[in-house]
Amino acid sequence: MRHFVSAGDLTREQVLALFALAAELKQRWKSGRRGAPLASRSLALIFEKPSLRTRVTFEVGVVQLGGRAVYLSGQEIGLGTRAGSTGSPRASLPTPPSTRSRATRASR
């Protein structure tokens, strides 16, 4: 699994593949074939600047795809501030299994 952080992290081919997938999902939705590709998944929505319209659009989209959206404001999580002696929690993302096994072998 890859975590999407910035459009700049994607190659041209990956961007085109995302647009093709979006078009396919939209066509399926219009024809009544509404699967739930995000079933049993929760997505954190973190926006640098507050935008009600963008937030609602993302939340509705996630729910329509079967997932659950959790909105976290930048202020709530300390976006843009450094964690220092204030005891701010730090996010830790799970390591993909393929990376985890290589890291374990390297540390032996």
Protein backbone atom coordinates (compact mmCIF):
# COMPACT_ATOMS: atom_id res chain seq x y z
CA MET A 1 0.00 0.00 0.00
CA ARG A 2 1.22 3.49 -0.83
CA HIS A 3 0.14 6.59 1.02
CA PHE A 4 -0.91 9.50 -1.15
CA VAL A 5 0.64 12.71 0.09
CA SER A 6 1.22 14.87 -2.97
CA ALA A 7 0.37 14.75 -6.66
CA GLY A 8 4.05 15.45 -7.24
CA ASP A 9 4.82 11.96 -5.91
CA LEU A 10 3.02 10.35 -8.86
CA THR A 11 4.38 9.63 -12.31
CA ARG A 12 2.50 10.69 -15.41
CA GLU A 13 1.43 7.08 -15.95
CA GLN A 14 0.10 6.81 -12.38
CA VAL A 15 -1.92 10.02 -12.80
CA LEU A 16 -3.43 8.75 -16.06
CA ALA A 17 -4.25 5.41 -14.39
CA LEU A 18 -6.01 7.25 -11.54
CA PHE A 19 -8.11 9.24 -14.01
CA ALA A 20 -9.01 6.05 -15.90
CA LEU A 21 -10.03 4.36 -12.64
CA ALA A 22 -12.11 7.39 -11.63
CA ALA A 23 -13.90 7.35 -14.99
CA GLU A 24 -14.59 3.61 -14.64
CA LEU A 25 -15.95 4.00 -11.10
CA LYS A 26 -18.14 6.90 -12.22
CA GLN A 27 -19.54 4.85 -15.11
CA ARG A 28 -20.24 1.91 -12.78
CA TRP A 29 -22.02 4.25 -10.35
CA LYS A 30 -24.20 5.72 -13.10
CA SER A 31 -25.16 2.25 -14.34
CA GLY A 32 -26.19 1.15 -10.83
CA ARG A 33 -23.23 -1.15 -10.14
CA ARG A 34 -22.25 0.41 -6.85
CA GLY A 35 -19.62 -1.66 -5.14
CA ALA A 36 -17.87 -0.73 -1.93
CA PRO A 37 -14.13 -0.62 -2.65
CA LEU A 38 -13.53 1.22 0.63
CA ALA A 39 -15.58 -1.19 2.79
CA SER A 40 -14.03 -1.69 6.25
CA ARG A 41 -11.66 1.23 5.66
CA SER A 42 -11.37 4.55 7.43
CA LEU A 43 -9.75 7.54 5.76
CA ALA A 44 -8.41 10.54 7.63
CA LEU A 45 -9.15 13.81 5.88
CA ILE A 46 -6.54 16.41 6.76
CA PHE A 47 -6.74 19.81 5.09
CA GLU A 48 -4.16 22.55 5.44
CA LYS A 49 -6.84 25.22 4.98
CA PRO A 50 -10.46 24.79 6.07
CA SER A 51 -12.90 24.38 3.21
CA LEU A 52 -16.43 23.21 3.92
CA ARG A 53 -17.20 22.42 0.29
CA THR A 54 -14.03 20.32 -0.18
CA ARG A 55 -14.52 18.56 3.14
CA VAL A 56 -18.14 17.64 2.39
CA THR A 57 -17.25 16.48 -1.13
CA PHE A 58 -14.54 14.14 0.17
CA GLU A 59 -16.69 12.85 3.04
CA VAL A 60 -19.60 12.06 0.72
CA GLY A 61 -17.29 10.36 -1.77
CA VAL A 62 -15.70 8.14 0.87
CA VAL A 63 -19.11 7.13 2.24
CA GLN A 64 -20.45 6.42 -1.26
CA LEU A 65 -17.50 4.07 -1.78
CA GLY A 66 -18.32 2.21 1.44
CA GLY A 67 -15.72 3.77 3.74
CA ARG A 68 -15.75 6.02 6.75
CA ALA A 69 -14.23 9.50 6.72
CA VAL A 70 -12.67 11.10 9.77
CA TYR A 71 -12.00 14.81 9.53
CA LEU A 72 -8.98 16.14 11.40
CA SER A 73 -8.27 19.85 11.23
CA GLY A 74 -4.72 21.04 10.85
CA GLN A 75 -5.05 22.90 14.13
CA GLU A 76 -6.21 19.77 15.98
CA ILE A 77 -3.21 17.73 14.87
CA GLY A 78 -0.65 20.54 14.96
CA LEU A 79 -0.11 20.64 11.19
CA GLY A 80 2.84 22.87 10.40
CA THR A 81 4.28 22.80 13.90
CA ARG A 82 7.19 20.73 15.08
CA ALA A 83 6.74 18.21 17.85
CA GLY A 84 9.05 19.23 20.63
CA SER A 85 8.92 19.02 24.38
CA THR A 86 5.17 19.70 24.31
CA GLY A 87 4.44 16.01 24.16
CA SER A 88 2.57 16.18 20.85
CA PRO A 89 1.75 12.73 19.54
CA ARG A 90 3.47 11.63 16.35
CA ALA A 91 1.76 9.69 13.61
CA SER A 92 3.22 6.33 12.72
CA LEU A 93 2.16 4.65 9.51
CA PRO A 94 2.25 0.86 9.27
CA THR A 95 5.15 -0.57 7.31
CA PRO A 96 4.05 -2.58 4.26
CA PRO A 97 4.77 -6.32 4.74
CA SER A 98 7.30 -6.47 1.87
CA THR A 99 9.30 -3.62 3.42
CA ARG A 100 8.93 -5.04 6.93
CA SER A 101 10.44 -8.40 5.96
CA ARG A 102 13.45 -6.74 4.29
CA ALA A 103 14.01 -4.48 7.31
CA THR A 104 13.85 -7.46 9.66
CA ARG A 105 16.38 -9.43 7.62
CA ALA A 106 18.72 -6.43 7.44
CA SER A 107 18.70 -5.94 11.21
CA ARG A 108 19.72 -9.54 11.96
